[in-house]
PDB file of N, CA and C in Angstrom:
ATOM      1  N   MET A   1     -10.189   2.714  12.624  1.00  0.00           N
ATOM      2  CA  MET A   1     -11.056   2.231  11.587  1.00  0.00           C
ATOM      3  C   MET A   1     -11.627   3.374  10.767  1.00  0.00           C
ATOM      4  N   ALA A   2     -11.813   4.520  11.407  1.00  0.00           N
ATOM      5  CA  ALA A   2     -12.372   5.679  10.712  1.00  0.00           C
ATOM      6  C   ALA A   2     -11.444   6.136   9.596  1.00  0.00           C
ATOM      7  N   PHE A   3     -10.144   6.030   9.830  1.00  0.00           N
ATOM      8  CA  PHE A   3      -9.183   6.425   8.802  1.00  0.00           C
ATOM      9  C   PHE A   3      -9.323   5.561   7.550  1.00  0.00           C
ATOM     10  N   PHE A   4      -9.488   4.262   7.742  1.00  0.00           N
ATOM     11  CA  PHE A   4      -9.605   3.365   6.597  1.00  0.00           C
ATOM     12  C   PHE A   4     -10.919   3.568   5.851  1.00  0.00           C
ATOM     13  N   LYS A   5     -12.006   3.848   6.594  1.00  0.00           N
ATOM     14  CA  LYS A   5     -13.278   4.133   5.926  1.00  0.00           C
ATOM     15  C   LYS A   5     -13.177   5.400   5.087  1.00  0.00           C
ATOM     16  N   TYR A   6     -12.605   6.438   5.663  1.00  0.00           N
ATOM     17  CA  TYR A   6     -12.456   7.705   4.950  1.00  0.00           C
ATOM     18  C   TYR A   6     -11.578   7.530   3.710  1.00  0.00           C
ATOM     19  N   THR A   7     -10.490   6.807   3.860  1.00  0.00           N
ATOM     20  CA  THR A   7      -9.602   6.558   2.729  1.00  0.00           C
ATOM     21  C   THR A   7     -10.299   5.756   1.644  1.00  0.00           C
ATOM     22  N   ALA A   8     -11.081   4.751   2.040  1.00  0.00           N
ATOM     23  CA  ALA A   8     -11.800   3.938   1.051  1.00  0.00           C
ATOM     24  C   ALA A   8     -12.838   4.768   0.296  1.00  0.00           C
ATOM     25  N   VAL A   9     -13.535   5.638   0.999  1.00  0.00           N
ATOM     26  CA  VAL A   9     -14.528   6.489   0.340  1.00  0.00           C
ATOM     27  C   VAL A   9     -13.848   7.436  -0.644  1.00  0.00           C
ATOM     28  N   ARG A  10     -12.743   8.035  -0.231  1.00  0.00           N
ATOM     29  CA  ARG A  10     -12.036   8.945  -1.141  1.00  0.00           C
ATOM     30  C   ARG A  10     -11.489   8.211  -2.355  1.00  0.00           C
ATOM     31  N   LEU A  11     -10.953   7.023  -2.155  1.00  0.00           N
ATOM     32  CA  LEU A  11     -10.469   6.246  -3.294  1.00  0.00           C
ATOM     33  C   LEU A  11     -11.610   5.827  -4.210  1.00  0.00           C
ATOM     34  N   GLY A  12     -12.752   5.504  -3.608  1.00  0.00           N
ATOM     35  CA  GLY A  12     -13.922   5.154  -4.411  1.00  0.00           C
ATOM     36  C   GLY A  12     -14.404   6.323  -5.254  1.00  0.00           C
ATOM     37  N   ILE A  13     -14.445   7.504  -4.658  1.00  0.00           N
ATOM     38  CA  ILE A  13     -14.835   8.695  -5.411  1.00  0.00           C
ATOM     39  C   ILE A  13     -13.843   8.966  -6.532  1.00  0.00           C
ATOM     40  N   THR A  14     -12.557   8.846  -6.214  1.00  0.00           N
ATOM     41  CA  THR A  14     -11.527   9.071  -7.227  1.00  0.00           C
ATOM     42  C   THR A  14     -11.662   8.076  -8.369  1.00  0.00           C
ATOM     43  N   ALA A  15     -11.890   6.817  -8.047  1.00  0.00           N
ATOM     44  CA  ALA A  15     -12.027   5.801  -9.095  1.00  0.00           C
ATOM     45  C   ALA A  15     -13.264   6.053  -9.951  1.00  0.00           C
ATOM     46  N   ALA A  16     -14.363   6.424  -9.322  1.00  0.00           N
ATOM     47  CA  ALA A  16     -15.588   6.686 -10.077  1.00  0.00           C
ATOM     48  C   ALA A  16     -15.413   7.867 -11.030  1.00  0.00           C
ATOM     49  N   VAL A  17     -14.801   8.934 -10.547  1.00  0.00           N
ATOM     50  CA  VAL A  17     -14.583  10.104 -11.402  1.00  0.00           C
ATOM     51  C   VAL A  17     -13.566   9.777 -12.493  1.00  0.00           C
ATOM     52  N   LEU A  18     -12.564   8.974 -12.185  1.00  0.00           N
ATOM     53  CA  LEU A  18     -11.572   8.581 -13.185  1.00  0.00           C
ATOM     54  C   LEU A  18     -12.233   7.784 -14.306  1.00  0.00           C
ATOM     55  N   VAL A  19     -13.074   6.833 -13.943  1.00  0.00           N
ATOM     56  CA  VAL A  19     -13.774   6.037 -14.956  1.00  0.00           C
ATOM     57  C   VAL A  19     -14.678   6.931 -15.802  1.00  0.00           C
ATOM     58  N   LEU A  20     -15.373   7.859 -15.161  1.00  0.00           N
ATOM     59  CA  LEU A  20     -16.248   8.769 -15.898  1.00  0.00           C
ATOM     60  C   LEU A  20     -15.448   9.631 -16.884  1.00  0.00           C
ATOM     61  N   CYS A  21     -14.318  10.145 -16.428  1.00  0.00           N
ATOM     62  CA  CYS A  21     -13.480  10.978 -17.307  1.00  0.00           C
ATOM     63  C   CYS A  21     -12.906  10.158 -18.461  1.00  0.00           C
ATOM     64  N   LEU A  22     -12.493   8.936 -18.186  1.00  0.00           N
ATOM     65  CA  LEU A  22     -11.979   8.084 -19.258  1.00  0.00           C
ATOM     66  C   LEU A  22     -13.089   7.735 -20.251  1.00  0.00           C
ATOM     67  N   TRP A  23     -14.295   7.516 -19.748  1.00  0.00           N
ATOM     68  CA  TRP A  23     -15.431   7.225 -20.614  1.00  0.00           C
ATOM     69  C   TRP A  23     -15.735   8.419 -21.520  1.00  0.00           C
ATOM     70  N   LEU A  24     -15.496   9.628 -20.985  1.00  0.00           N
ATOM     71  CA  LEU A  24     -15.700  10.835 -21.781  1.00  0.00           C
ATOM     72  C   LEU A  24     -14.560  11.075 -22.768  1.00  0.00           C
ATOM     73  N   GLY A  25     -13.483  10.312 -22.655  1.00  0.00           N
ATOM     74  CA  GLY A  25     -12.370  10.406 -23.597  1.00  0.00           C
ATOM     75  C   GLY A  25     -11.388  11.516 -23.301  1.00  0.00           C
ATOM     76  N   LEU A  26     -11.143  11.811 -22.026  1.00  0.00           N
ATOM     77  CA  LEU A  26     -10.235  12.897 -21.665  1.00  0.00           C
ATOM     78  C   LEU A  26      -8.769  12.480 -21.644  1.00  0.00           C
ATOM     79  N   GLY A  27      -8.463  11.192 -21.705  1.00  0.00           N
ATOM     80  CA  GLY A  27      -7.077  10.724 -21.629  1.00  0.00           C
ATOM     81  C   GLY A  27      -6.697  10.395 -20.197  1.00  0.00           C
ATOM     82  N   TRP A  28      -5.677   9.558 -20.066  1.00  0.00           N
ATOM     83  CA  TRP A  28      -5.295   9.061 -18.742  1.00  0.00           C
ATOM     84  C   TRP A  28      -4.787  10.153 -17.811  1.00  0.00           C
ATOM     85  N   ILE A  29      -3.865  10.959 -18.260  1.00  0.00           N
ATOM     86  CA  ILE A  29      -3.237  11.943 -17.375  1.00  0.00           C
ATOM     87  C   ILE A  29      -4.249  13.006 -16.949  1.00  0.00           C
ATOM     88  N   PHE A  30      -4.948  13.575 -17.907  1.00  0.00           N
ATOM     89  CA  PHE A  30      -5.930  14.603 -17.578  1.00  0.00           C
ATOM     90  C   PHE A  30      -7.051  14.020 -16.717  1.00  0.00           C
ATOM     91  N   SER A  31      -7.467  12.806 -17.004  1.00  0.00           N
ATOM     92  CA  SER A  31      -8.512  12.152 -16.204  1.00  0.00           C
ATOM     93  C   SER A  31      -8.050  11.956 -14.759  1.00  0.00           C
ATOM     94  N   ALA A  32      -6.819  11.545 -14.584  1.00  0.00           N
ATOM     95  CA  ALA A  32      -6.294  11.334 -13.232  1.00  0.00           C
ATOM     96  C   ALA A  32      -6.228  12.652 -12.462  1.00  0.00           C
ATOM     97  N   ILE A  33      -5.780  13.698 -13.120  1.00  0.00           N
ATOM     98  CA  ILE A  33      -5.700  15.005 -12.457  1.00  0.00           C
ATOM     99  C   ILE A  33      -7.097  15.493 -12.071  1.00  0.00           C
ATOM    100  N   VAL A  34      -8.029  15.404 -12.994  1.00  0.00           N
ATOM    101  CA  VAL A  34      -9.403  15.833 -12.720  1.00  0.00           C
ATOM    102  C   VAL A  34     -10.017  14.982 -11.613  1.00  0.00           C
ATOM    103  N   ALA A  35      -9.791  13.680 -11.631  1.00  0.00           N
ATOM    104  CA  ALA A  35     -10.357  12.789 -10.622  1.00  0.00           C
ATOM    105  C   ALA A  35      -9.847  13.132  -9.226  1.00  0.00           C
ATOM    106  N   VAL A  36      -8.563  13.401  -9.106  1.00  0.00           N
ATOM    107  CA  VAL A  36      -8.000  13.730  -7.793  1.00  0.00           C
ATOM    108  C   VAL A  36      -8.550  15.062  -7.301  1.00  0.00           C
ATOM    109  N   ILE A  37      -8.634  16.042  -8.165  1.00  0.00           N
ATOM    110  CA  ILE A  37      -9.140  17.357  -7.755  1.00  0.00           C
ATOM    111  C   ILE A  37     -10.618  17.272  -7.358  1.00  0.00           C
ATOM    112  N   ILE A  38     -11.424  16.590  -8.155  1.00  0.00           N
ATOM    113  CA  ILE A  38     -12.854  16.483  -7.835  1.00  0.00           C
ATOM    114  C   ILE A  38     -13.061  15.658  -6.561  1.00  0.00           C
ATOM    115  N   ALA A  39     -12.301  14.590  -6.380  1.00  0.00           N
ATOM    116  CA  ALA A  39     -12.421  13.793  -5.153  1.00  0.00           C
ATOM    117  C   ALA A  39     -12.047  14.624  -3.932  1.00  0.00           C
ATOM    118  N   PHE A  40     -11.015  15.443  -4.062  1.00  0.00           N
ATOM    119  CA  PHE A  40     -10.628  16.327  -2.955  1.00  0.00           C
ATOM    120  C   PHE A  40     -11.759  17.297  -2.630  1.00  0.00           C
ATOM    121  N   CYS A  41     -12.325  17.919  -3.653  1.00  0.00           N
ATOM    122  CA  CYS A  41     -13.397  18.891  -3.434  1.00  0.00           C
ATOM    123  C   CYS A  41     -14.624  18.247  -2.800  1.00  0.00           C
ATOM    124  N   ILE A  42     -15.023  17.097  -3.301  1.00  0.00           N
ATOM    125  CA  ILE A  42     -16.199  16.412  -2.745  1.00  0.00           C
ATOM    126  C   ILE A  42     -15.950  16.009  -1.296  1.00  0.00           C
ATOM    127  N   SER A  43     -14.776  15.454  -1.016  1.00  0.00           N
ATOM    128  CA  SER A  43     -14.495  15.032   0.355  1.00  0.00           C
ATOM    129  C   SER A  43     -14.357  16.233   1.284  1.00  0.00           C
ATOM    130  N   PHE A  44     -13.817  17.321   0.793  1.00  0.00           N
ATOM    131  CA  PHE A  44     -13.662  18.517   1.619  1.00  0.00           C
ATOM    132  C   PHE A  44     -15.023  19.120   1.958  1.00  0.00           C
ATOM    133  N   LEU A  45     -15.925  19.113   0.990  1.00  0.00           N
ATOM    134  CA  LEU A  45     -17.226  19.742   1.197  1.00  0.00           C
ATOM    135  C   LEU A  45     -18.233  18.847   1.922  1.00  0.00           C
ATOM    136  N   PHE A  46     -18.231  17.553   1.626  1.00  0.00           N
ATOM    137  CA  PHE A  46     -19.308  16.697   2.102  1.00  0.00           C
ATOM    138  C   PHE A  46     -18.901  15.644   3.124  1.00  0.00           C
ATOM    139  N   LEU A  47     -17.639  15.424   3.326  1.00  0.00           N
ATOM    140  CA  LEU A  47     -17.202  14.369   4.244  1.00  0.00           C
ATOM    141  C   LEU A  47     -16.485  14.938   5.469  1.00  0.00           C
ATOM    142  N   THR A  48     -16.954  16.076   5.942  1.00  0.00           N
ATOM    143  CA  THR A  48     -16.289  16.751   7.058  1.00  0.00           C
ATOM    144  C   THR A  48     -16.281  15.894   8.321  1.00  0.00           C
ATOM    145  N   LYS A  49     -17.419  15.317   8.656  1.00  0.00           N
ATOM    146  CA  LYS A  49     -17.499  14.520   9.882  1.00  0.00           C
ATOM    147  C   LYS A  49     -16.589  13.292   9.794  1.00  0.00           C
ATOM    148  N   MET A  50     -16.601  12.635   8.654  1.00  0.00           N
ATOM    149  CA  MET A  50     -15.763  11.448   8.473  1.00  0.00           C
ATOM    150  C   MET A  50     -14.276  11.824   8.520  1.00  0.00           C
ATOM    151  N   ARG A  51     -13.923  12.973   7.939  1.00  0.00           N
ATOM    152  CA  ARG A  51     -12.540  13.433   7.949  1.00  0.00           C
ATOM    153  C   ARG A  51     -12.090  13.765   9.369  1.00  0.00           C
ATOM    154  N   ASP A  52     -12.971  14.408  10.135  1.00  0.00           N
ATOM    155  CA  ASP A  52     -12.630  14.740  11.520  1.00  0.00           C
ATOM    156  C   ASP A  52     -12.449  13.488  12.376  1.00  0.00           C
ATOM    157  N   GLU A  53     -13.291  12.479  12.162  1.00  0.00           N
ATOM    158  CA  GLU A  53     -13.142  11.220  12.897  1.00  0.00           C
ATOM    159  C   GLU A  53     -11.836  10.523  12.532  1.00  0.00           C
ATOM    160  N   ALA A  54     -11.475  10.562  11.252  1.00  0.00           N
ATOM    161  CA  ALA A  54     -10.214   9.948  10.815  1.00  0.00           C
ATOM    162  C   ALA A  54      -9.028  10.679  11.432  1.00  0.00           C
ATOM    163  N   ALA A  55      -9.090  12.000  11.446  1.00  0.00           N
ATOM    164  CA  ALA A  55      -8.000  12.780  12.040  1.00  0.00           C
ATOM    165  C   ALA A  55      -7.883  12.517  13.539  1.00  0.00           C
ATOM    166  N   ALA A  56      -9.027  12.391  14.209  1.00  0.00           N
ATOM    167  CA  ALA A  56      -9.002  12.113  15.650  1.00  0.00           C
ATOM    168  C   ALA A  56      -8.412  10.739  15.940  1.00  0.00           C
ATOM    169  N   SER A  57      -8.725   9.752  15.105  1.00  0.00           N
ATOM    170  CA  SER A  57      -8.174   8.416  15.340  1.00  0.00           C
ATOM    171  C   SER A  57      -6.662   8.394  15.105  1.00  0.00           C
ATOM    172  N   ILE A  58      -6.199   9.127  14.114  1.00  0.00           N
ATOM    173  CA  ILE A  58      -4.751   9.200  13.877  1.00  0.00           C
ATOM    174  C   ILE A  58      -4.065   9.950  15.007  1.00  0.00           C
ATOM    175  N   GLN A  59      -4.677  11.032  15.467  1.00  0.00           N
ATOM    176  CA  GLN A  59      -4.097  11.795  16.578  1.00  0.00           C
ATOM    177  C   GLN A  59      -4.000  10.931  17.835  1.00  0.00           C
ATOM    178  N   TYR A  60      -5.032  10.151  18.112  1.00  0.00           N
ATOM    179  CA  TYR A  60      -5.018   9.272  19.286  1.00  0.00           C
ATOM    180  C   TYR A  60      -3.913   8.223  19.169  1.00  0.00           C
ATOM    181  N   ARG A  61      -3.765   7.637  17.978  1.00  0.00           N
ATOM    182  CA  ARG A  61      -2.776   6.585  17.785  1.00  0.00           C
ATOM    183  C   ARG A  61      -1.358   7.109  17.993  1.00  0.00           C
ATOM    184  N   PHE A  62      -1.068   8.335  17.563  1.00  0.00           N
ATOM    185  CA  PHE A  62       0.285   8.874  17.666  1.00  0.00           C
ATOM    186  C   PHE A  62       0.484   9.753  18.891  1.00  0.00           C
ATOM    187  N   SER A  63      -0.512   9.870  19.766  1.00  0.00           N
ATOM    188  CA  SER A  63      -0.397  10.738  20.937  1.00  0.00           C
ATOM    189  C   SER A  63       0.478  10.141  22.031  1.00  0.00           C
ATOM    190  N   GLY A  64       0.651   8.853  22.013  1.00  0.00           N
ATOM    191  CA  GLY A  64       1.434   8.202  23.058  1.00  0.00           C
ATOM    192  C   GLY A  64       0.565   7.610  24.148  1.00  0.00           C
ATOM    193  N   SER A  65      -0.707   7.983  24.207  1.00  0.00           N
ATOM    194  CA  SER A  65      -1.588   7.428  25.224  1.00  0.00           C
ATOM    195  C   SER A  65      -2.303   6.169  24.742  1.00  0.00           C
ATOM    196  N   ALA A  66      -2.189   5.855  23.465  1.00  0.00           N
ATOM    197  CA  ALA A  66      -2.825   4.657  22.921  1.00  0.00           C
ATOM    198  C   ALA A  66      -2.010   3.424  23.299  1.00  0.00           C
ATOM    199  N   PRO A  67      -2.679   2.325  23.556  1.00  0.00           N
ATOM    200  CA  PRO A  67      -1.929   1.099  23.875  1.00  0.00           C
ATOM    201  C   PRO A  67      -1.177   0.616  22.642  1.00  0.00           C
ATOM    202  N   PRO A  68      -0.033  -0.023  22.851  1.00  0.00           N
ATOM    203  CA  PRO A  68       0.729  -0.511  21.701  1.00  0.00           C
ATOM    204  C   PRO A  68      -0.008  -1.624  20.972  1.00  0.00           C
ATOM    205  N   ILE A  69       0.177  -1.676  19.689  1.00  0.00           N
ATOM    206  CA  ILE A  69      -0.438  -2.724  18.886  1.00  0.00           C
ATOM    207  C   ILE A  69       0.535  -3.894  18.849  1.00  0.00           C
ATOM    208  N   ARG A  70       0.109  -5.016  19.400  1.00  0.00           N
ATOM    209  CA  ARG A  70       0.978  -6.196  19.449  1.00  0.00           C
ATOM    210  C   ARG A  70       0.249  -7.399  18.881  1.00  0.00           C
ATOM    211  N   THR A  71       1.014  -8.261  18.250  1.00  0.00           N
ATOM    212  CA  THR A  71       0.450  -9.506  17.743  1.00  0.00           C
ATOM    213  C   THR A  71       0.361 -10.506  18.893  1.00  0.00           C
ATOM    214  N   ALA A  72      -0.316 -11.616  18.655  1.00  0.00           N
ATOM    215  CA  ALA A  72      -0.451 -12.648  19.684  1.00  0.00           C
ATOM    216  C   ALA A  72       0.910 -13.212  20.066  1.00  0.00           C
ATOM    217  N   THR A  73       1.792 -13.364  19.091  1.00  0.00           N
ATOM    218  CA  THR A  73       3.130 -13.892  19.369  1.00  0.00           C
ATOM    219  C   THR A  73       3.921 -12.919  20.235  1.00  0.00           C
ATOM    220  N   GLU A  74       3.830 -11.627  19.944  1.00  0.00           N
ATOM    221  CA  GLU A  74       4.541 -10.639  20.754  1.00  0.00           C
ATOM    222  C   GLU A  74       4.013 -10.615  22.189  1.00  0.00           C
ATOM    223  N   ARG A  75       2.701 -10.755  22.357  1.00  0.00           N
ATOM    224  CA  ARG A  75       2.133 -10.790  23.710  1.00  0.00           C
ATOM    225  C   ARG A  75       2.607 -12.022  24.476  1.00  0.00           C
ATOM    226  N   LYS A  76       2.650 -13.190  23.804  1.00  0.00           N
ATOM    227  CA  LYS A  76       3.120 -14.413  24.468  1.00  0.00           C
ATOM    228  C   LYS A  76       4.592 -14.284  24.853  1.00  0.00           C
ATOM    229  N   ASP A  77       5.401 -13.708  23.957  1.00  0.00           N
ATOM    230  CA  ASP A  77       6.818 -13.512  24.265  1.00  0.00           C
ATOM    231  C   ASP A  77       6.995 -12.579  25.460  1.00  0.00           C
ATOM    232  N   ALA A  78       6.233 -11.496  25.497  1.00  0.00           N
ATOM    233  CA  ALA A  78       6.334 -10.553  26.608  1.00  0.00           C
ATOM    234  C   ALA A  78       5.916 -11.206  27.916  1.00  0.00           C
ATOM    235  N   GLU A  79       4.853 -12.010  27.885  1.00  0.00           N
ATOM    236  CA  GLU A  79       4.422 -12.709  29.092  1.00  0.00           C
ATOM    237  C   GLU A  79       5.484 -13.708  29.564  1.00  0.00           C
ATOM    238  N   ALA A  80       6.118 -14.404  28.636  1.00  0.00           N
ATOM    239  CA  ALA A  80       7.177 -15.356  29.006  1.00  0.00           C
ATOM    240  C   ALA A  80       8.368 -14.623  29.614  1.00  0.00           C
ATOM    241  N   GLU A  81       8.741 -13.503  29.027  1.00  0.00           N
ATOM    242  CA  GLU A  81       9.856 -12.727  29.574  1.00  0.00           C
ATOM    243  C   GLU A  81       9.526 -12.189  30.958  1.00  0.00           C
ATOM    244  N   ASP A  82       8.297 -11.696  31.143  1.00  0.00           N
ATOM    245  CA  ASP A  82       7.903 -11.176  32.440  1.00  0.00           C
ATOM    246  C   ASP A  82       7.888 -12.270  33.503  1.00  0.00           C
ATOM    247  N   SER A  83       7.381 -13.450  33.155  1.00  0.00           N
ATOM    248  CA  SER A  83       7.341 -14.530  34.137  1.00  0.00           C
ATOM    249  C   SER A  83       8.755 -15.015  34.467  1.00  0.00           C
ATOM    250  N   PHE A  84       9.642 -15.043  33.472  1.00  0.00           N
ATOM    251  CA  PHE A  84      11.033 -15.436  33.738  1.00  0.00           C
ATOM    252  C   PHE A  84      11.710 -14.411  34.645  1.00  0.00           C
ATOM    253  N   SER A  85      11.492 -13.124  34.379  1.00  0.00           N
ATOM    254  CA  SER A  85      12.097 -12.080  35.208  1.00  0.00           C
ATOM    255  C   SER A  85      11.569 -12.141  36.633  1.00  0.00           C
ATOM    256  N   ALA A  86      10.282 -12.441  36.792  1.00  0.00           N
ATOM    257  CA  ALA A  86       9.708 -12.532  38.134  1.00  0.00           C
ATOM    258  C   ALA A  86      10.256 -13.743  38.880  1.00  0.00           C
ATOM    259  N   ALA A  87      10.496 -14.852  38.175  1.00  0.00           N
ATOM    260  CA  ALA A  87      11.003 -16.062  38.819  1.00  0.00           C
ATOM    261  C   ALA A  87      12.498 -15.977  39.103  1.00  0.00           C
ATOM    262  N   ASN A  88      13.228 -15.175  38.351  1.00  0.00           N
ATOM    263  CA  ASN A  88      14.687 -15.057  38.505  1.00  0.00           C
ATOM    264  C   ASN A  88      15.081 -13.594  38.670  1.00  0.00           C
ATOM    265  N   PRO A  89      14.862 -13.010  39.858  1.00  0.00           N
ATOM    266  CA  PRO A  89      15.118 -11.577  40.024  1.00  0.00           C
ATOM    267  C   PRO A  89      16.605 -11.203  39.987  1.00  0.00           C
ATOM    268  N   VAL A  90      17.504 -12.159  40.237  1.00  0.00           N
ATOM    269  CA  VAL A  90      18.924 -11.826  40.242  1.00  0.00           C
ATOM    270  C   VAL A  90      19.552 -11.957  38.860  1.00  0.00           C
ATOM    271  N   TYR A  91      18.848 -12.544  37.924  1.00  0.00           N
ATOM    272  CA  TYR A  91      19.404 -12.740  36.585  1.00  0.00           C
ATOM    273  C   TYR A  91      19.424 -11.420  35.841  1.00  0.00           C
ATOM    274  N   ARG A  92      20.577 -11.077  35.310  1.00  0.00           N
ATOM    275  CA  ARG A  92      20.724  -9.872  34.509  1.00  0.00           C
ATOM    276  C   ARG A  92      21.373 -10.284  33.191  1.00  0.00           C
ATOM    277  N   PRO A  93      20.671 -10.156  32.095  1.00  0.00           N
ATOM    278  CA  PRO A  93      21.280 -10.548  30.829  1.00  0.00           C
ATOM    279  C   PRO A  93      22.450  -9.636  30.486  1.00  0.00           C
ATOM    280  N   GLU A  94      23.469 -10.226  29.909  1.00  0.00           N
ATOM    281  CA  GLU A  94      24.650  -9.456  29.522  1.00  0.00           C
ATOM    282  C   GLU A  94      24.729  -9.395  28.011  1.00  0.00           C
ATOM    283  N   ALA A  95      25.270  -8.308  27.524  1.00  0.00           N
ATOM    284  CA  ALA A  95      25.459  -8.170  26.087  1.00  0.00           C
ATOM    285  C   ALA A  95      26.585  -9.103  25.663  1.00  0.00           C
ATOM    286  N   PRO A  96      26.505  -9.668  24.482  1.00  0.00           N
ATOM    287  CA  PRO A  96      27.592 -10.542  24.024  1.00  0.00           C
ATOM    288  C   PRO A  96      28.876  -9.726  23.861  1.00  0.00           C
ATOM    289  N   PRO A  97      30.018 -10.345  24.092  1.00  0.00           N
ATOM    290  CA  PRO A  97      31.278  -9.605  23.962  1.00  0.00           C
ATOM    291  C   PRO A  97      31.493  -9.178  22.510  1.00  0.00           C
ATOM    292  N   ARG A  98      32.056  -7.995  22.348  1.00  0.00           N
ATOM    293  CA  ARG A  98      32.313  -7.467  21.006  1.00  0.00           C
ATOM    294  C   ARG A  98      33.643  -8.000  20.499  1.00  0.00           C
ATOM    295  N   ARG A  99      33.640  -8.342  19.227  1.00  0.00           N
ATOM    296  CA  ARG A  99      34.903  -8.774  18.617  1.00  0.00           C
ATOM    297  C   ARG A  99      35.742  -7.539  18.332  1.00  0.00           C
ATOM    298  N   ARG A 100      37.025  -7.762  18.236  1.00  0.00           N
ATOM    299  CA  ARG A 100      37.930  -6.634  18.063  1.00  0.00           C
ATOM    300  C   ARG A 100      37.698  -5.926  16.739  1.00  0.00           C
ATOM    301  N   ASP A 101      37.355  -6.650  15.685  1.00  0.00           N
ATOM    302  CA  ASP A 101      37.155  -6.010  14.392  1.00  0.00           C
ATOM    303  C   ASP A 101      35.852  -5.209  14.341  1.00  0.00           C
ATOM    304  N   GLN A 102      34.962  -5.376  15.324  1.00  0.00           N
ATOM    305  CA  GLN A 102      33.730  -4.594  15.388  1.00  0.00           C
ATOM    306  C   GLN A 102      33.863  -3.360  16.243  1.00  0.00           C
ATOM    307  N   ASP A 103      34.975  -3.209  16.937  1.00  0.00           N
ATOM    308  CA  ASP A 103      35.169  -2.091  17.844  1.00  0.00           C
ATOM    309  C   ASP A 103      35.247  -0.793  17.048  1.00  0.00           C
ATOM    310  N   SER A 104      34.405   0.168  17.397  1.00  0.00           N
ATOM    311  CA  SER A 104      34.377   1.418  16.654  1.00  0.00           C
ATOM    312  C   SER A 104      35.455   2.391  17.108  1.00  0.00           C
ATOM    313  N   SER A 105      36.131   2.073  18.249  1.00  0.00           N
ATOM    314  CA  SER A 105      37.146   2.995  18.738  1.00  0.00           C
ATOM    315  C   SER A 105      38.450   2.896  17.947  1.00  0.00           C
ATOM    316  N   THR A 106      38.676   1.785  17.285  1.00  0.00           N
ATOM    317  CA  THR A 106      39.890   1.663  16.476  1.00  0.00           C
ATOM    318  C   THR A 106      39.627   2.219  15.095  1.00  0.00           C
ATOM    319  N   SER A 107      40.564   2.968  14.604  1.00  0.00           N
ATOM    320  CA  SER A 107      40.397   3.548  13.254  1.00  0.00           C
ATOM    321  C   SER A 107      41.280   2.801  12.296  1.00  0.00           C
ATOM    322  N   ALA A 108      40.808   2.705  11.076  1.00  0.00           N
ATOM    323  CA  ALA A 108      41.545   1.959  10.056  1.00  0.00           C
ATOM    324  C   ALA A 108      42.522   2.820   9.334  1.00  0.00           C
TER     325      ALA A 108
END
């Protein structure tokens, strides 16, 4: 959540500076460049704690120790598969047979 808050604040700063630059009559391209640079400077100088929290949340998510994000349907499917596997320990699913035209060992 920290990442989204930080991103929203930076986008808000960028939009505010962009509107101000356009109001001053600087033109679209120059206003956009100035807005991005000023938003970067403001966030770099004043949003250090928020930036560090966002970086920590991203690091945690990609570290491998975070639990997987699953939808309710994916959780129900996993529970059904687990219960089926527990009830039928000898069942081993087999891959469907490959058609001859799909075989990668034959060259054309």
